[in-house]
Amino acid sequence: MATLSELENEVLRLPKDQRVSLIHRILEKSELPENSDVKNLWNAEILDRIERLDANSTERHSASDVFQAIDEQFAQ
Protein backbone atom coordinates (compact mmCIF):
# COMPACT_ATOMS: atom_id res chain seq x y z
CA MET A 1 0.00 0.00 0.00
CA ALA A 2 1.31 3.46 -0.92
CA THR A 3 2.09 6.02 1.75
CA LEU A 4 0.21 9.30 1.91
CA SER A 5 3.26 11.09 0.55
CA GLU A 6 3.52 8.68 -2.38
CA LEU A 7 -0.18 9.09 -3.18
CA GLU A 8 0.14 12.86 -3.01
CA ASN A 9 3.07 12.81 -5.44
CA GLU A 10 1.12 10.62 -7.86
CA VAL A 11 -1.96 12.83 -7.67
CA LEU A 12 0.10 15.98 -8.24
CA ARG A 13 1.42 14.45 -11.48
CA LEU A 14 -2.13 14.19 -12.86
CA PRO A 15 -3.46 16.90 -15.18
CA LYS A 16 -5.35 19.59 -13.28
CA ASP A 17 -8.81 18.49 -14.49
CA GLN A 18 -8.17 14.92 -13.34
CA ARG A 19 -6.89 16.14 -9.93
CA VAL A 20 -10.03 18.23 -9.46
CA SER A 21 -12.23 15.31 -10.47
CA LEU A 22 -10.43 12.98 -8.06
CA ILE A 23 -10.72 15.48 -5.20
CA HIS A 24 -14.43 15.92 -5.91
CA ARG A 25 -14.97 12.14 -5.89
CA ILE A 26 -13.06 11.76 -2.61
CA LEU A 27 -15.05 14.56 -0.99
CA GLU A 28 -18.32 13.00 -2.13
CA LYS A 29 -17.32 9.71 -0.52
CA SER A 30 -16.32 11.58 2.65
CA GLU A 31 -19.65 13.38 3.08
CA LEU A 32 -21.42 12.91 6.37
CA PRO A 33 -24.79 11.11 6.39
CA GLU A 34 -27.78 13.42 5.84
CA ASN A 35 -29.05 12.92 9.38
CA SER A 36 -25.67 13.61 10.98
CA ASP A 37 -25.65 16.01 13.95
CA VAL A 38 -22.37 17.44 12.69
CA LYS A 39 -23.86 18.13 9.27
CA ASN A 40 -26.86 19.84 10.89
CA LEU A 41 -24.54 21.99 13.01
CA TRP A 42 -22.51 22.98 9.95
CA ASN A 43 -25.67 23.87 8.03
CA ALA A 44 -26.77 26.10 10.93
CA GLU A 45 -23.31 27.72 11.00
CA ILE A 46 -23.42 28.36 7.26
CA LEU A 47 -26.85 29.98 7.51
CA ASP A 48 -25.68 32.12 10.44
CA ARG A 49 -22.64 33.29 8.47
CA ILE A 50 -24.78 34.15 5.45
CA GLU A 51 -27.14 36.18 7.66
CA ARG A 52 -24.21 38.08 9.19
CA LEU A 53 -22.80 38.79 5.73
CA ASP A 54 -26.17 39.98 4.47
CA ALA A 55 -26.53 42.25 7.53
CA ASN A 56 -22.98 43.59 7.07
CA SER A 57 -22.25 42.64 10.67
CA THR A 58 -19.01 40.81 9.94
CA GLU A 59 -15.71 41.64 8.28
CA ARG A 60 -14.99 40.34 4.81
CA HIS A 61 -11.56 39.14 3.72
CA SER A 62 -10.46 37.95 0.31
CA ALA A 63 -9.47 34.31 0.04
CA SER A 64 -5.97 35.30 -1.06
CA ASP A 65 -5.54 37.41 2.11
CA VAL A 66 -6.78 34.55 4.29
CA PHE A 67 -4.47 32.00 2.66
CA GLN A 68 -1.53 34.40 2.87
CA ALA A 69 -2.16 34.88 6.61
CA ILE A 70 -2.35 31.11 7.08
CA ASP A 71 0.89 30.61 5.14
CA GLU A 72 2.61 33.27 7.26
CA GLN A 73 1.33 31.71 10.47
CA PHE A 74 2.62 28.25 9.56
CA ALA A 75 5.95 29.65 8.33
CA GLN A 76 6.78 30.76 11.87
PDB file of N, CA and C in Angstrom:
ATOM      1  N   MET A   1       0.846  -1.178   0.000  1.00  0.00           N
ATOM      2  CA  MET A   1       0.000   0.000   0.000  1.00  0.00           C
ATOM      3  C   MET A   1       0.890   1.241   0.000  1.00  0.00           C
ATOM      4  N   ALA A   2       0.524   2.228  -0.794  1.00  0.00           N
ATOM      5  CA  ALA A   2       1.306   3.457  -0.915  1.00  0.00           C
ATOM      6  C   ALA A   2       1.136   4.330   0.326  1.00  0.00           C
ATOM      7  N   THR A   3       2.180   5.079   0.638  1.00  0.00           N
ATOM      8  CA  THR A   3       2.085   6.019   1.753  1.00  0.00           C
ATOM      9  C   THR A   3       1.334   7.259   1.293  1.00  0.00           C
ATOM     10  N   LEU A   4       0.921   8.060   2.240  1.00  0.00           N
ATOM     11  CA  LEU A   4       0.213   9.302   1.913  1.00  0.00           C
ATOM     12  C   LEU A   4       1.076  10.193   1.031  1.00  0.00           C
ATOM     13  N   SER A   5       2.339  10.279   1.337  1.00  0.00           N
ATOM     14  CA  SER A   5       3.262  11.092   0.550  1.00  0.00           C
ATOM     15  C   SER A   5       3.368  10.580  -0.889  1.00  0.00           C
ATOM     16  N   GLU A   6       3.450   9.263  -1.048  1.00  0.00           N
ATOM     17  CA  GLU A   6       3.522   8.680  -2.385  1.00  0.00           C
ATOM     18  C   GLU A   6       2.246   8.948  -3.173  1.00  0.00           C
ATOM     19  N   LEU A   7       1.104   8.802  -2.514  1.00  0.00           N
ATOM     20  CA  LEU A   7      -0.175   9.089  -3.181  1.00  0.00           C
ATOM     21  C   LEU A   7      -0.256  10.553  -3.599  1.00  0.00           C
ATOM     22  N   GLU A   8       0.162  11.432  -2.688  1.00  0.00           N
ATOM     23  CA  GLU A   8       0.139  12.861  -3.007  1.00  0.00           C
ATOM     24  C   GLU A   8       0.988  13.154  -4.235  1.00  0.00           C
ATOM     25  N   ASN A   9       2.186  12.588  -4.287  1.00  0.00           N
ATOM     26  CA  ASN A   9       3.067  12.813  -5.438  1.00  0.00           C
ATOM     27  C   ASN A   9       2.439  12.305  -6.728  1.00  0.00           C
ATOM     28  N   GLU A  10       1.785  11.158  -6.665  1.00  0.00           N
ATOM     29  CA  GLU A  10       1.117  10.621  -7.856  1.00  0.00           C
ATOM     30  C   GLU A  10      -0.029  11.529  -8.303  1.00  0.00           C
ATOM     31  N   VAL A  11      -0.824  11.970  -7.341  1.00  0.00           N
ATOM     32  CA  VAL A  11      -1.964  12.834  -7.668  1.00  0.00           C
ATOM     33  C   VAL A  11      -1.486  14.149  -8.270  1.00  0.00           C
ATOM     34  N   LEU A  12      -0.415  14.699  -7.737  1.00  0.00           N
ATOM     35  CA  LEU A  12       0.099  15.976  -8.241  1.00  0.00           C
ATOM     36  C   LEU A  12       0.658  15.863  -9.657  1.00  0.00           C
ATOM     37  N   ARG A  13       0.955  14.654 -10.107  1.00  0.00           N
ATOM     38  CA  ARG A  13       1.417  14.455 -11.480  1.00  0.00           C
ATOM     39  C   ARG A  13       0.259  14.389 -12.481  1.00  0.00           C
ATOM     40  N   LEU A  14      -0.960  14.236 -11.982  1.00  0.00           N
ATOM     41  CA  LEU A  14      -2.128  14.190 -12.861  1.00  0.00           C
ATOM     42  C   LEU A  14      -2.392  15.571 -13.459  1.00  0.00           C
ATOM     43  N   PRO A  15      -3.017  15.611 -14.641  1.00  0.00           N
ATOM     44  CA  PRO A  15      -3.455  16.895 -15.176  1.00  0.00           C
ATOM     45  C   PRO A  15      -4.466  17.541 -14.216  1.00  0.00           C
ATOM     46  N   LYS A  16      -4.524  18.857 -14.235  1.00  0.00           N
ATOM     47  CA  LYS A  16      -5.355  19.593 -13.280  1.00  0.00           C
ATOM     48  C   LYS A  16      -6.804  19.110 -13.277  1.00  0.00           C
ATOM     49  N   ASP A  17      -7.400  18.901 -14.446  1.00  0.00           N
ATOM     50  CA  ASP A  17      -8.809  18.492 -14.492  1.00  0.00           C
ATOM     51  C   ASP A  17      -9.016  17.137 -13.823  1.00  0.00           C
ATOM     52  N   GLN A  18      -8.050  16.235 -13.978  1.00  0.00           N
ATOM     53  CA  GLN A  18      -8.170  14.924 -13.336  1.00  0.00           C
ATOM     54  C   GLN A  18      -7.976  15.031 -11.824  1.00  0.00           C
ATOM     55  N   ARG A  19      -7.073  15.923 -11.379  1.00  0.00           N
ATOM     56  CA  ARG A  19      -6.892  16.135  -9.934  1.00  0.00           C
ATOM     57  C   ARG A  19      -8.175  16.666  -9.315  1.00  0.00           C
ATOM     58  N   VAL A  20      -8.788  17.645  -9.977  1.00  0.00           N
ATOM     59  CA  VAL A  20     -10.026  18.232  -9.461  1.00  0.00           C
ATOM     60  C   VAL A  20     -11.121  17.176  -9.410  1.00  0.00           C
ATOM     61  N   SER A  21     -11.221  16.374 -10.444  1.00  0.00           N
ATOM     62  CA  SER A  21     -12.228  15.313 -10.474  1.00  0.00           C
ATOM     63  C   SER A  21     -12.003  14.311  -9.351  1.00  0.00           C
ATOM     64  N   LEU A  22     -10.758  13.924  -9.133  1.00  0.00           N
ATOM     65  CA  LEU A  22     -10.433  12.980  -8.057  1.00  0.00           C
ATOM     66  C   LEU A  22     -10.774  13.570  -6.690  1.00  0.00           C
ATOM     67  N   ILE A  23     -10.414  14.815  -6.478  1.00  0.00           N
ATOM     68  CA  ILE A  23     -10.721  15.481  -5.202  1.00  0.00           C
ATOM     69  C   ILE A  23     -12.224  15.518  -4.981  1.00  0.00           C
ATOM     70  N   HIS A  24     -12.960  15.857  -6.014  1.00  0.00           N
ATOM     71  CA  HIS A  24     -14.428  15.916  -5.911  1.00  0.00           C
ATOM     72  C   HIS A  24     -14.980  14.531  -5.533  1.00  0.00           C
ATOM     73  N   ARG A  25     -14.492  13.492  -6.181  1.00  0.00           N
ATOM     74  CA  ARG A  25     -14.972  12.136  -5.889  1.00  0.00           C
ATOM     75  C   ARG A  25     -14.649  11.728  -4.452  1.00  0.00           C
ATOM     76  N   ILE A  26     -13.449  12.093  -3.984  1.00  0.00           N
ATOM     77  CA  ILE A  26     -13.062  11.756  -2.608  1.00  0.00           C
ATOM     78  C   ILE A  26     -13.941  12.504  -1.615  1.00  0.00           C
ATOM     79  N   LEU A  27     -14.192  13.787  -1.886  1.00  0.00           N
ATOM     80  CA  LEU A  27     -15.046  14.556  -0.985  1.00  0.00           C
ATOM     81  C   LEU A  27     -16.464  14.012  -0.948  1.00  0.00           C
ATOM     82  N   GLU A  28     -16.984  13.598  -2.098  1.00  0.00           N
ATOM     83  CA  GLU A  28     -18.321  13.004  -2.129  1.00  0.00           C
ATOM     84  C   GLU A  28     -18.389  11.757  -1.255  1.00  0.00           C
ATOM     85  N   LYS A  29     -17.360  10.933  -1.320  1.00  0.00           N
ATOM     86  CA  LYS A  29     -17.320   9.707  -0.517  1.00  0.00           C
ATOM     87  C   LYS A  29     -17.132  10.016   0.965  1.00  0.00           C
ATOM     88  N   SER A  30     -16.606  11.198   1.270  1.00  0.00           N
ATOM     89  CA  SER A  30     -16.323  11.583   2.654  1.00  0.00           C
ATOM     90  C   SER A  30     -17.470  12.344   3.303  1.00  0.00           C
ATOM     91  N   GLU A  31     -18.522  12.618   2.553  1.00  0.00           N
ATOM     92  CA  GLU A  31     -19.649  13.377   3.083  1.00  0.00           C
ATOM     93  C   GLU A  31     -20.279  12.665   4.263  1.00  0.00           C
ATOM     94  N   LEU A  32     -20.726  13.465   5.210  1.00  0.00           N
ATOM     95  CA  LEU A  32     -21.421  12.913   6.369  1.00  0.00           C
ATOM     96  C   LEU A  32     -22.834  12.482   5.979  1.00  0.00           C
ATOM     97  N   PRO A  33     -23.403  11.510   6.675  1.00  0.00           N
ATOM     98  CA  PRO A  33     -24.789  11.112   6.385  1.00  0.00           C
ATOM     99  C   PRO A  33     -25.732  12.304   6.555  1.00  0.00           C
ATOM    100  N   GLU A  34     -26.814  12.306   5.803  1.00  0.00           N
ATOM    101  CA  GLU A  34     -27.776  13.418   5.840  1.00  0.00           C
ATOM    102  C   GLU A  34     -28.286  13.720   7.238  1.00  0.00           C
ATOM    103  N   ASN A  35     -28.464  12.719   8.061  1.00  0.00           N
ATOM    104  CA  ASN A  35     -29.045  12.925   9.385  1.00  0.00           C
ATOM    105  C   ASN A  35     -27.982  13.152  10.464  1.00  0.00           C
ATOM    106  N   SER A  36     -26.765  13.429  10.042  1.00  0.00           N
ATOM    107  CA  SER A  36     -25.666  13.608  10.981  1.00  0.00           C
ATOM    108  C   SER A  36     -25.829  14.905  11.786  1.00  0.00           C
ATOM    109  N   ASP A  37     -25.603  14.820  13.097  1.00  0.00           N
ATOM    110  CA  ASP A  37     -25.646  16.010  13.949  1.00  0.00           C
ATOM    111  C   ASP A  37     -24.604  17.027  13.517  1.00  0.00           C
ATOM    112  N   VAL A  38     -23.434  16.542  13.130  1.00  0.00           N
ATOM    113  CA  VAL A  38     -22.369  17.442  12.693  1.00  0.00           C
ATOM    114  C   VAL A  38     -22.802  18.194  11.440  1.00  0.00           C
ATOM    115  N   LYS A  39     -23.401  17.482  10.500  1.00  0.00           N
ATOM    116  CA  LYS A  39     -23.860  18.130   9.268  1.00  0.00           C
ATOM    117  C   LYS A  39     -24.920  19.182   9.589  1.00  0.00           C
ATOM    118  N   ASN A  40     -25.829  18.871  10.500  1.00  0.00           N
ATOM    119  CA  ASN A  40     -26.856  19.838  10.892  1.00  0.00           C
ATOM    120  C   ASN A  40     -26.241  21.067  11.542  1.00  0.00           C
ATOM    121  N   LEU A  41     -25.226  20.859  12.378  1.00  0.00           N
ATOM    122  CA  LEU A  41     -24.542  21.987  13.008  1.00  0.00           C
ATOM    123  C   LEU A  41     -23.826  22.849  11.974  1.00  0.00           C
ATOM    124  N   TRP A  42     -23.170  22.220  10.998  1.00  0.00           N
ATOM    125  CA  TRP A  42     -22.506  22.979   9.949  1.00  0.00           C
ATOM    126  C   TRP A  42     -23.507  23.762   9.113  1.00  0.00           C
ATOM    127  N   ASN A  43     -24.639  23.156   8.795  1.00  0.00           N
ATOM    128  CA  ASN A  43     -25.668  23.873   8.034  1.00  0.00           C
ATOM    129  C   ASN A  43     -26.157  25.094   8.798  1.00  0.00           C
ATOM    130  N   ALA A  44     -26.348  24.961  10.107  1.00  0.00           N
ATOM    131  CA  ALA A  44     -26.767  26.097  10.932  1.00  0.00           C
ATOM    132  C   ALA A  44     -25.686  27.174  10.936  1.00  0.00           C
ATOM    133  N   GLU A  45     -24.424  26.762  11.021  1.00  0.00           N
ATOM    134  CA  GLU A  45     -23.311  27.715  10.998  1.00  0.00           C
ATOM    135  C   GLU A  45     -23.250  28.456   9.667  1.00  0.00           C
ATOM    136  N   ILE A  46     -23.435  27.737   8.586  1.00  0.00           N
ATOM    137  CA  ILE A  46     -23.424  28.359   7.256  1.00  0.00           C
ATOM    138  C   ILE A  46     -24.532  29.395   7.143  1.00  0.00           C
ATOM    139  N   LEU A  47     -25.735  29.035   7.573  1.00  0.00           N
ATOM    140  CA  LEU A  47     -26.855  29.981   7.508  1.00  0.00           C
ATOM    141  C   LEU A  47     -26.586  31.212   8.373  1.00  0.00           C
ATOM    142  N   ASP A  48     -26.008  31.004   9.551  1.00  0.00           N
ATOM    143  CA  ASP A  48     -25.681  32.122  10.436  1.00  0.00           C
ATOM    144  C   ASP A  48     -24.660  33.051   9.777  1.00  0.00           C
ATOM    145  N   ARG A  49     -23.659  32.479   9.140  1.00  0.00           N
ATOM    146  CA  ARG A  49     -22.639  33.294   8.474  1.00  0.00           C
ATOM    147  C   ARG A  49     -23.237  34.081   7.313  1.00  0.00           C
ATOM    148  N   ILE A  50     -24.124  33.453   6.561  1.00  0.00           N
ATOM    149  CA  ILE A  50     -24.783  34.153   5.446  1.00  0.00           C
ATOM    150  C   ILE A  50     -25.605  35.326   5.974  1.00  0.00           C
ATOM    151  N   GLU A  51     -26.335  35.097   7.063  1.00  0.00           N
ATOM    152  CA  GLU A  51     -27.138  36.176   7.655  1.00  0.00           C
ATOM    153  C   GLU A  51     -26.254  37.335   8.109  1.00  0.00           C
ATOM    154  N   ARG A  52     -25.116  37.024   8.747  1.00  0.00           N
ATOM    155  CA  ARG A  52     -24.206  38.081   9.189  1.00  0.00           C
ATOM    156  C   ARG A  52     -23.614  38.826   8.006  1.00  0.00           C
ATOM    157  N   LEU A  53     -23.304  38.123   6.924  1.00  0.00           N
ATOM    158  CA  LEU A  53     -22.798  38.793   5.733  1.00  0.00           C
ATOM    159  C   LEU A  53     -23.859  39.700   5.123  1.00  0.00           C
ATOM    160  N   ASP A  54     -25.077  39.186   5.033  1.00  0.00           N
ATOM    161  CA  ASP A  54     -26.174  39.983   4.474  1.00  0.00           C
ATOM    162  C   ASP A  54     -26.460  41.228   5.309  1.00  0.00           C
ATOM    163  N   ALA A  55     -26.273  41.114   6.623  1.00  0.00           N
ATOM    164  CA  ALA A  55     -26.534  42.247   7.527  1.00  0.00           C
ATOM    165  C   ALA A  55     -25.306  43.143   7.691  1.00  0.00           C
ATOM    166  N   ASN A  56     -24.234  42.835   6.966  1.00  0.00           N
ATOM    167  CA  ASN A  56     -22.979  43.589   7.074  1.00  0.00           C
ATOM    168  C   ASN A  56     -22.487  43.688   8.509  1.00  0.00           C
ATOM    169  N   SER A  57     -22.666  42.630   9.279  1.00  0.00           N
ATOM    170  CA  SER A  57     -22.246  42.642  10.675  1.00  0.00           C
ATOM    171  C   SER A  57     -20.985  41.808  10.895  1.00  0.00           C
ATOM    172  N   THR A  58     -20.260  41.561   9.831  1.00  0.00           N
ATOM    173  CA  THR A  58     -19.013  40.811   9.939  1.00  0.00           C
ATOM    174  C   THR A  58     -18.021  41.356   8.923  1.00  0.00           C
ATOM    175  N   GLU A  59     -16.745  41.181   9.207  1.00  0.00           N
ATOM    176  CA  GLU A  59     -15.714  41.638   8.278  1.00  0.00           C
ATOM    177  C   GLU A  59     -15.573  40.651   7.128  1.00  0.00           C
ATOM    178  N   ARG A  60     -15.238  41.187   5.973  1.00  0.00           N
ATOM    179  CA  ARG A  60     -14.992  40.342   4.810  1.00  0.00           C
ATOM    180  C   ARG A  60     -13.507  40.384   4.489  1.00  0.00           C
ATOM    181  N   HIS A  61     -12.968  39.234   4.109  1.00  0.00           N
ATOM    182  CA  HIS A  61     -11.565  39.136   3.723  1.00  0.00           C
ATOM    183  C   HIS A  61     -11.486  38.303   2.453  1.00  0.00           C
ATOM    184  N   SER A  62     -10.627  38.726   1.540  1.00  0.00           N
ATOM    185  CA  SER A  62     -10.464  37.949   0.308  1.00  0.00           C
ATOM    186  C   SER A  62      -9.788  36.623   0.636  1.00  0.00           C
ATOM    187  N   ALA A  63     -10.073  35.628  -0.171  1.00  0.00           N
ATOM    188  CA  ALA A  63      -9.474  34.309   0.040  1.00  0.00           C
ATOM    189  C   ALA A  63      -7.958  34.397  -0.025  1.00  0.00           C
ATOM    190  N   SER A  64      -7.425  35.204  -0.944  1.00  0.00           N
ATOM    191  CA  SER A  64      -5.968  35.302  -1.061  1.00  0.00           C
ATOM    192  C   SER A  64      -5.362  35.881   0.214  1.00  0.00           C
ATOM    193  N   ASP A  65      -6.035  36.856   0.845  1.00  0.00           N
ATOM    194  CA  ASP A  65      -5.537  37.414   2.106  1.00  0.00           C
ATOM    195  C   ASP A  65      -5.577  36.364   3.217  1.00  0.00           C
ATOM    196  N   VAL A  66      -6.640  35.587   3.270  1.00  0.00           N
ATOM    197  CA  VAL A  66      -6.780  34.549   4.294  1.00  0.00           C
ATOM    198  C   VAL A  66      -5.688  33.494   4.126  1.00  0.00           C
ATOM    199  N   PHE A  67      -5.482  33.026   2.892  1.00  0.00           N
ATOM    200  CA  PHE A  67      -4.471  31.997   2.657  1.00  0.00           C
ATOM    201  C   PHE A  67      -3.063  32.531   2.919  1.00  0.00           C
ATOM    202  N   GLN A  68      -2.834  33.803   2.592  1.00  0.00           N
ATOM    203  CA  GLN A  68      -1.528  34.398   2.867  1.00  0.00           C
ATOM    204  C   GLN A  68      -1.283  34.444   4.385  1.00  0.00           C
ATOM    205  N   ALA A  69      -2.290  34.835   5.150  1.00  0.00           N
ATOM    206  CA  ALA A  69      -2.163  34.881   6.613  1.00  0.00           C
ATOM    207  C   ALA A  69      -1.894  33.491   7.180  1.00  0.00           C
ATOM    208  N   ILE A  70      -2.571  32.489   6.636  1.00  0.00           N
ATOM    209  CA  ILE A  70      -2.345  31.109   7.084  1.00  0.00           C
ATOM    210  C   ILE A  70      -0.924  30.671   6.764  1.00  0.00           C
ATOM    211  N   ASP A  71      -0.470  30.961   5.528  1.00  0.00           N
ATOM    212  CA  ASP A  71       0.891  30.608   5.144  1.00  0.00           C
ATOM    213  C   ASP A  71       1.914  31.269   6.065  1.00  0.00           C
ATOM    214  N   GLU A  72       1.692  32.549   6.371  1.00  0.00           N
ATOM    215  CA  GLU A  72       2.607  33.269   7.260  1.00  0.00           C
ATOM    216  C   GLU A  72       2.598  32.673   8.665  1.00  0.00           C
ATOM    217  N   GLN A  73       1.429  32.291   9.135  1.00  0.00           N
ATOM    218  CA  GLN A  73       1.333  31.711  10.471  1.00  0.00           C
ATOM    219  C   GLN A  73       2.092  30.382  10.554  1.00  0.00           C
ATOM    220  N   PHE A  74       1.952  29.547   9.537  1.00  0.00           N
ATOM    221  CA  PHE A  74       2.622  28.246   9.559  1.00  0.00           C
ATOM    222  C   PHE A  74       4.109  28.347   9.237  1.00  0.00           C
ATOM    223  N   ALA A  75       4.541  29.457   8.646  1.00  0.00           N
ATOM    224  CA  ALA A  75       5.950  29.648   8.333  1.00  0.00           C
ATOM    225  C   ALA A  75       6.765  29.964   9.590  1.00  0.00           C
ATOM    226  N   GLN A  76       6.083  30.379  10.642  1.00  0.00           N
ATOM    227  CA  GLN A  76       6.780  30.763  11.872  1.00  0.00           C
ATOM    228  C   GLN A  76       7.231  29.573  12.668  1.00  0.00           C
TER     229      GLN A  76
END
